[in-house]
Amino acid sequence: TLWTDTSTVTCPACGHRQSEFMHGPLSRLVCVACGHEMRPPPGGCCVFCAYGDFPCPDQQVAGSCSCGSEGA
């Protein structure tokens, strides 16, 4: 299983992509381009799983995610 500690998060408001280091699940992230506060959808795991190109480390280990790719 390939594991990564960075994810490129795409802002759902403006489409800006920013690379973020993943320490674990992230409940909120502010877009550096437009200031939009990204949060996971209701019942979702985290910002990385919802809007990133890789899920958070917890979900990479578990092999599944509760929120899929809502931000894609």
Protein backbone atom coordinates (compact mmCIF):
# COMPACT_ATOMS: atom_id res chain seq x y z
CA THR A 1 0.00 0.00 0.00
CA LEU A 2 1.35 3.39 -1.02
CA TRP A 3 1.26 5.95 1.78
CA THR A 4 1.82 9.70 1.51
CA ASP A 5 2.10 12.48 4.09
CA THR A 6 1.09 15.35 1.79
CA SER A 7 -2.12 16.07 -0.05
CA THR A 8 -3.02 18.73 -2.60
CA VAL A 9 -6.28 20.26 -1.41
CA THR A 10 -8.56 21.96 -3.95
CA CYS A 11 -10.74 24.79 -2.63
CA PRO A 12 -14.39 24.19 -3.59
CA ALA A 13 -15.02 27.95 -3.67
CA CYS A 14 -12.27 29.15 -6.04
CA GLY A 15 -10.46 26.04 -7.32
CA HIS A 16 -7.09 27.04 -5.84
CA ARG A 17 -4.85 24.06 -5.12
CA GLN A 18 -2.55 24.07 -2.11
CA SER A 19 -0.21 21.37 -0.86
CA GLU A 20 -0.61 20.52 2.82
CA PHE A 21 1.35 18.24 5.15
CA MET A 22 -0.93 15.69 6.81
CA HIS A 23 -0.38 15.07 10.53
CA GLY A 24 -3.78 13.33 10.68
CA PRO A 25 -7.44 14.19 9.98
CA LEU A 26 -8.06 17.92 9.52
CA SER A 27 -11.41 19.45 10.52
CA ARG A 28 -10.88 22.85 8.86
CA LEU A 29 -8.52 24.56 6.45
CA VAL A 30 -8.56 28.14 5.15
CA CYS A 31 -7.83 28.63 1.45
CA VAL A 32 -4.75 30.85 1.06
CA ALA A 33 -6.15 32.32 -2.18
CA CYS A 34 -9.73 33.32 -1.28
CA GLY A 35 -10.04 32.82 2.49
CA HIS A 36 -12.82 30.23 2.21
CA GLU A 37 -12.95 27.96 5.25
CA MET A 38 -13.10 24.37 4.05
CA ARG A 39 -14.76 21.83 6.32
CA PRO A 40 -15.68 18.20 5.65
CA PRO A 41 -19.29 17.51 4.65
CA PRO A 42 -21.66 16.35 7.43
CA GLY A 43 -20.57 12.88 8.52
CA GLY A 44 -17.33 13.19 6.52
CA CYS A 45 -13.89 12.29 7.80
CA CYS A 46 -11.87 15.45 7.21
CA VAL A 47 -10.78 18.15 4.75
CA PHE A 48 -8.10 15.91 3.20
CA CYS A 49 -10.59 13.13 2.46
CA ALA A 50 -13.19 15.54 1.06
CA TYR A 51 -11.04 17.94 -0.99
CA GLY A 52 -7.56 16.43 -1.25
CA ASP A 53 -5.94 14.22 -3.84
CA PHE A 54 -5.00 11.78 -1.04
CA PRO A 55 -7.06 10.86 2.04
CA CYS A 56 -5.73 11.50 5.55
CA PRO A 57 -3.22 9.05 7.07
CA ASP A 58 -5.90 7.39 9.23
CA GLN A 59 -7.97 6.56 6.15
CA GLN A 60 -4.92 5.50 4.13
CA VAL A 61 -4.20 2.90 6.83
CA ALA A 62 -7.86 1.87 7.16
CA GLY A 63 -8.26 1.66 3.38
CA SER A 64 -11.66 3.34 3.28
CA CYS A 65 -13.12 6.78 3.87
CA SER A 66 -16.48 7.95 5.13
CA CYS A 67 -16.69 10.93 2.79
CA GLY A 68 -15.11 9.82 -0.49
CA SER A 69 -14.38 12.56 -3.00
CA GLU A 70 -17.10 15.17 -2.46
CA GLY A 71 -14.66 17.95 -3.34
CA ALA A 72 -13.51 16.37 -6.60
